[in-house]
Amino acid sequence: MKVIINRLNSNNIHLIVNWCKNKDEYFLRQWAGNGYSYPLTEQQICDRLADGAEIYEAHLDDKMIGTIEVISRNKQEHTALIGRFVLDQTIVQKGLGTKMLLAFLEYCKEMLGIREVTLFVFDFNFAAHRCYQKCGFVEEGIEERPNGWKAIRMRKLL
């Protein structure tokens, strides 16, 4: 079972919205930060894509299992900030987040020429933090957000 990474197909936007449908604002903030407003709508994602957002989808056995975004990139230094990583909520806690992230990191290295990746994870998001550690990310510091949440900055060389 190989995870395939591609740019987000606009025909799949409804899946992301469905993953968030029965969740609260807290869930949206955990994976999207301030990138989207609650409740998440297809139009918000379409608008981000129209503004040039680099959103990627992951497929396993012809099923979209998650999305992740290159939030910003420094092409001269071959670095990127990634985030807005969300999984199909019917498949969480099965190791697929780790598998998807490793495939995405390989894609970043081979297809996008990225050599170093940074991300932020909220200190209370234990599952995501554990996933990032399994994928080789190391902690570099903590930033407090305006809402009081603590975001751990993590980095990985590719």
C-alpha atoms as a PDB file:
ATOM      1  CA  MET A   1       0.000   0.000   0.000  1.00  0.00           C
ATOM      2  CA  LYS A   2       1.720   3.108  -1.284  1.00  0.00           C
ATOM      3  CA  VAL A   3       0.534   6.630  -0.497  1.00  0.00           C
ATOM      4  CA  ILE A   4       0.342   8.819  -3.605  1.00  0.00           C
ATOM      5  CA  ILE A   5       0.704  12.615  -3.291  1.00  0.00           C
ATOM      6  CA  ASN A   6      -0.754  15.088  -5.806  1.00  0.00           C
ATOM      7  CA  ARG A   7      -1.937  18.695  -5.869  1.00  0.00           C
ATOM      8  CA  LEU A   8      -5.447  18.990  -4.465  1.00  0.00           C
ATOM      9  CA  ASN A   9      -8.076  18.310  -7.110  1.00  0.00           C
ATOM     10  CA  SER A  10     -10.957  20.758  -6.712  1.00  0.00           C
ATOM     11  CA  ASN A  11     -13.364  17.835  -7.177  1.00  0.00           C
ATOM     12  CA  ASN A  12     -12.161  16.502  -3.801  1.00  0.00           C
ATOM     13  CA  ILE A  13     -12.703  19.648  -1.740  1.00  0.00           C
ATOM     14  CA  HIS A  14     -16.040  18.354  -0.467  1.00  0.00           C
ATOM     15  CA  LEU A  15     -14.217  15.481   1.271  1.00  0.00           C
ATOM     16  CA  ILE A  16     -12.240  17.880   3.477  1.00  0.00           C
ATOM     17  CA  VAL A  17     -15.418  19.713   4.445  1.00  0.00           C
ATOM     18  CA  ASN A  18     -17.106  16.374   5.237  1.00  0.00           C
ATOM     19  CA  TRP A  19     -14.210  15.362   7.517  1.00  0.00           C
ATOM     20  CA  CYS A  20     -14.936  18.496   9.555  1.00  0.00           C
ATOM     21  CA  LYS A  21     -18.724  18.396   9.334  1.00  0.00           C
ATOM     22  CA  ASN A  22     -19.472  16.944  12.772  1.00  0.00           C
ATOM     23  CA  LYS A  23     -16.497  18.570  14.464  1.00  0.00           C
ATOM     24  CA  ASP A  24     -16.276  21.821  16.390  1.00  0.00           C
ATOM     25  CA  GLU A  25     -14.214  24.978  15.972  1.00  0.00           C
ATOM     26  CA  TYR A  26     -11.568  23.527  18.292  1.00  0.00           C
ATOM     27  CA  PHE A  27     -10.943  20.677  15.822  1.00  0.00           C
ATOM     28  CA  LEU A  28     -10.610  23.108  12.904  1.00  0.00           C
ATOM     29  CA  ARG A  29      -8.135  25.294  14.843  1.00  0.00           C
ATOM     30  CA  GLN A  30      -6.012  22.250  15.732  1.00  0.00           C
ATOM     31  CA  TRP A  31      -5.226  21.385  12.125  1.00  0.00           C
ATOM     32  CA  ALA A  32      -5.785  24.671  10.289  1.00  0.00           C
ATOM     33  CA  GLY A  33      -4.782  27.384  12.746  1.00  0.00           C
ATOM     34  CA  ASN A  34      -6.194  30.631  11.397  1.00  0.00           C
ATOM     35  CA  GLY A  35      -6.164  29.353   7.820  1.00  0.00           C
ATOM     36  CA  TYR A  36      -9.919  28.814   7.773  1.00  0.00           C
ATOM     37  CA  SER A  37     -12.987  30.111   9.605  1.00  0.00           C
ATOM     38  CA  TYR A  38     -15.489  27.915  11.378  1.00  0.00           C
ATOM     39  CA  PRO A  39     -17.521  26.308   9.966  1.00  0.00           C
ATOM     40  CA  LEU A  40     -15.307  25.185   7.103  1.00  0.00           C
ATOM     41  CA  THR A  41     -16.882  25.550   3.649  1.00  0.00           C
ATOM     42  CA  GLU A  42     -15.894  24.450   0.171  1.00  0.00           C
ATOM     43  CA  GLN A  43     -15.750  28.117  -0.842  1.00  0.00           C
ATOM     44  CA  GLN A  44     -13.016  28.842   1.724  1.00  0.00           C
ATOM     45  CA  ILE A  45     -10.831  26.115   0.255  1.00  0.00           C
ATOM     46  CA  CYS A  46     -11.594  27.225  -3.318  1.00  0.00           C
ATOM     47  CA  ASP A  47     -10.641  30.782  -2.385  1.00  0.00           C
ATOM     48  CA  ARG A  48      -7.320  29.621  -0.913  1.00  0.00           C
ATOM     49  CA  LEU A  49      -6.571  27.637  -4.069  1.00  0.00           C
ATOM     50  CA  ALA A  50      -7.467  30.662  -6.218  1.00  0.00           C
ATOM     51  CA  ASP A  51      -5.044  32.727  -4.127  1.00  0.00           C
ATOM     52  CA  GLY A  52      -2.265  30.251  -4.971  1.00  0.00           C
ATOM     53  CA  ALA A  53      -2.288  27.974  -1.916  1.00  0.00           C
ATOM     54  CA  GLU A  54      -0.214  24.801  -2.396  1.00  0.00           C
ATOM     55  CA  ILE A  55      -2.565  22.175  -1.003  1.00  0.00           C
ATOM     56  CA  TYR A  56      -1.763  18.511  -1.586  1.00  0.00           C
ATOM     57  CA  GLU A  57      -3.905  15.411  -1.272  1.00  0.00           C
ATOM     58  CA  ALA A  58      -2.841  11.914  -0.332  1.00  0.00           C
ATOM     59  CA  HIS A  59      -4.406   8.765  -1.748  1.00  0.00           C
ATOM     60  CA  LEU A  60      -4.180   5.194  -0.561  1.00  0.00           C
ATOM     61  CA  ASP A  61      -5.793   2.511  -2.724  1.00  0.00           C
ATOM     62  CA  ASP A  62      -7.710   5.136  -4.747  1.00  0.00           C
ATOM     63  CA  LYS A  63      -9.157   6.750  -1.609  1.00  0.00           C
ATOM     64  CA  MET A  64      -8.217  10.262  -0.527  1.00  0.00           C
ATOM     65  CA  ILE A  65      -7.005   9.907   3.048  1.00  0.00           C
ATOM     66  CA  GLY A  66      -5.776  13.405   3.862  1.00  0.00           C
ATOM     67  CA  THR A  67      -4.460  16.785   2.825  1.00  0.00           C
ATOM     68  CA  ILE A  68      -1.478  18.920   3.761  1.00  0.00           C
ATOM     69  CA  GLU A  69      -0.299  22.350   2.672  1.00  0.00           C
ATOM     70  CA  VAL A  70       2.988  24.027   1.856  1.00  0.00           C
ATOM     71  CA  ILE A  71       2.150  27.262   3.651  1.00  0.00           C
ATOM     72  CA  SER A  72       5.257  29.132   2.537  1.00  0.00           C
ATOM     73  CA  ARG A  73       8.427  28.311   0.688  1.00  0.00           C
ATOM     74  CA  ASN A  74      11.865  29.874   0.263  1.00  0.00           C
ATOM     75  CA  LYS A  75      13.017  28.545  -3.093  1.00  0.00           C
ATOM     76  CA  GLN A  76      16.531  29.997  -2.758  1.00  0.00           C
ATOM     77  CA  GLU A  77      17.128  28.244   0.567  1.00  0.00           C
ATOM     78  CA  HIS A  78      15.057  25.150  -0.366  1.00  0.00           C
ATOM     79  CA  THR A  79      13.002  25.416   2.826  1.00  0.00           C
ATOM     80  CA  ALA A  80       9.282  25.260   3.501  1.00  0.00           C
ATOM     81  CA  LEU A  81       6.745  25.723   6.254  1.00  0.00           C
ATOM     82  CA  ILE A  82       4.090  23.022   6.077  1.00  0.00           C
ATOM     83  CA  GLY A  83       0.830  22.625   7.920  1.00  0.00           C
ATOM     84  CA  ARG A  84      -2.932  22.333   7.698  1.00  0.00           C
ATOM     85  CA  PHE A  85      -2.523  18.554   7.830  1.00  0.00           C
ATOM     86  CA  VAL A  86      -5.828  16.737   8.212  1.00  0.00           C
ATOM     87  CA  LEU A  87      -6.863  13.121   7.792  1.00  0.00           C
ATOM     88  CA  ASP A  88     -10.112  11.445   6.899  1.00  0.00           C
ATOM     89  CA  GLN A  89     -11.529  11.054  10.395  1.00  0.00           C
ATOM     90  CA  THR A  90     -12.678   7.485   9.714  1.00  0.00           C
ATOM     91  CA  ILE A  91      -9.065   6.276   9.444  1.00  0.00           C
ATOM     92  CA  VAL A  92      -7.278   8.038  12.299  1.00  0.00           C
ATOM     93  CA  GLN A  93      -5.133   6.132  14.812  1.00  0.00           C
ATOM     94  CA  LYS A  94      -4.094   3.486  12.279  1.00  0.00           C
ATOM     95  CA  GLY A  95      -0.607   4.820  11.448  1.00  0.00           C
ATOM     96  CA  LEU A  96      -1.762   6.313   8.154  1.00  0.00           C
ATOM     97  CA  GLY A  97      -0.929   9.874   9.229  1.00  0.00           C
ATOM     98  CA  THR A  98       2.707   8.869   9.640  1.00  0.00           C
ATOM     99  CA  LYS A  99       2.667   7.015   6.338  1.00  0.00           C
ATOM    100  CA  MET A 100       1.083   9.998   4.585  1.00  0.00           C
ATOM    101  CA  LEU A 101       3.515  12.508   6.086  1.00  0.00           C
ATOM    102  CA  LEU A 102       6.547  10.414   5.100  1.00  0.00           C
ATOM    103  CA  ALA A 103       5.214  10.188   1.533  1.00  0.00           C
ATOM    104  CA  PHE A 104       4.629  13.949   1.505  1.00  0.00           C
ATOM    105  CA  LEU A 105       8.148  14.659   2.768  1.00  0.00           C
ATOM    106  CA  GLU A 106       9.552  12.455   0.007  1.00  0.00           C
ATOM    107  CA  TYR A 107       7.407  14.355  -2.503  1.00  0.00           C
ATOM    108  CA  CYS A 108       8.719  17.671  -1.133  1.00  0.00           C
ATOM    109  CA  LYS A 109      12.290  16.499  -1.563  1.00  0.00           C
ATOM    110  CA  GLU A 110      11.988  14.819  -4.972  1.00  0.00           C
ATOM    111  CA  MET A 111       9.352  16.925  -6.730  1.00  0.00           C
ATOM    112  CA  LEU A 112       9.632  20.351  -5.073  1.00  0.00           C
ATOM    113  CA  GLY A 113      13.358  20.459  -4.289  1.00  0.00           C
ATOM    114  CA  ILE A 114      12.774  21.206  -0.617  1.00  0.00           C
ATOM    115  CA  ARG A 115      15.618  20.258   1.734  1.00  0.00           C
ATOM    116  CA  GLU A 116      14.307  21.458   5.109  1.00  0.00           C
ATOM    117  CA  VAL A 117      10.761  21.524   6.478  1.00  0.00           C
ATOM    118  CA  THR A 118       9.334  23.355   9.474  1.00  0.00           C
ATOM    119  CA  LEU A 119       5.916  22.932  11.054  1.00  0.00           C
ATOM    120  CA  PHE A 120       4.033  23.930  14.177  1.00  0.00           C
ATOM    121  CA  VAL A 121       1.951  21.669  16.394  1.00  0.00           C
ATOM    122  CA  PHE A 122      -0.101  22.737  19.379  1.00  0.00           C
ATOM    123  CA  ASP A 123       1.226  21.307  22.640  1.00  0.00           C
ATOM    124  CA  PHE A 124      -2.096  19.589  23.398  1.00  0.00           C
ATOM    125  CA  ASN A 125      -2.272  17.801  20.020  1.00  0.00           C
ATOM    126  CA  PHE A 126      -0.491  14.701  21.294  1.00  0.00           C
ATOM    127  CA  ALA A 127      -1.288  12.426  18.336  1.00  0.00           C
ATOM    128  CA  ALA A 128       0.063  14.904  15.772  1.00  0.00           C
ATOM    129  CA  HIS A 129       3.147  15.612  17.897  1.00  0.00           C
ATOM    130  CA  ARG A 130       3.868  11.884  18.143  1.00  0.00           C
ATOM    131  CA  CYS A 131       3.403  11.499  14.362  1.00  0.00           C
ATOM    132  CA  TYR A 132       5.890  14.301  13.657  1.00  0.00           C
ATOM    133  CA  GLN A 133       8.447  12.778  16.028  1.00  0.00           C
ATOM    134  CA  LYS A 134       8.065   9.374  14.321  1.00  0.00           C
ATOM    135  CA  CYS A 135       8.791  11.113  11.011  1.00  0.00           C
ATOM    136  CA  GLY A 136      12.035  12.579  12.362  1.00  0.00           C
ATOM    137  CA  PHE A 137      11.007  16.124  13.279  1.00  0.00           C
ATOM    138  CA  VAL A 138      12.796  17.687  16.256  1.00  0.00           C
ATOM    139  CA  GLU A 139      11.517  20.421  18.527  1.00  0.00           C
ATOM    140  CA  GLU A 140      13.100  23.852  18.179  1.00  0.00           C
ATOM    141  CA  GLY A 141      11.029  26.066  20.422  1.00  0.00           C
ATOM    142  CA  ILE A 142       7.598  27.121  21.591  1.00  0.00           C
ATOM    143  CA  GLU A 143       5.579  30.150  20.512  1.00  0.00           C
ATOM    144  CA  GLU A 144       2.501  31.394  22.315  1.00  0.00           C
ATOM    145  CA  ARG A 145      -0.332  32.333  19.988  1.00  0.00           C
ATOM    146  CA  PRO A 146      -2.683  35.295  20.593  1.00  0.00           C
ATOM    147  CA  ASN A 147      -5.372  32.903  21.890  1.00  0.00           C
ATOM    148  CA  GLY A 148      -2.939  31.572  24.510  1.00  0.00           C
ATOM    149  CA  TRP A 149      -2.273  28.245  22.775  1.00  0.00           C
ATOM    150  CA  LYS A 150       1.332  27.081  22.723  1.00  0.00           C
ATOM    151  CA  ALA A 151       2.674  26.020  19.323  1.00  0.00           C
ATOM    152  CA  ILE A 152       5.770  23.822  19.233  1.00  0.00           C
ATOM    153  CA  ARG A 153       8.050  24.620  16.284  1.00  0.00           C
ATOM    154  CA  MET A 154       9.540  21.463  14.765  1.00  0.00           C
ATOM    155  CA  ARG A 155      12.071  21.000  11.944  1.00  0.00           C
ATOM    156  CA  LYS A 156      13.338  18.184   9.751  1.00  0.00           C
ATOM    157  CA  LEU A 157      16.127  18.038   7.194  1.00  0.00           C
ATOM    158  CA  LEU A 158      15.148  16.070   4.099  1.00  0.00           C
END
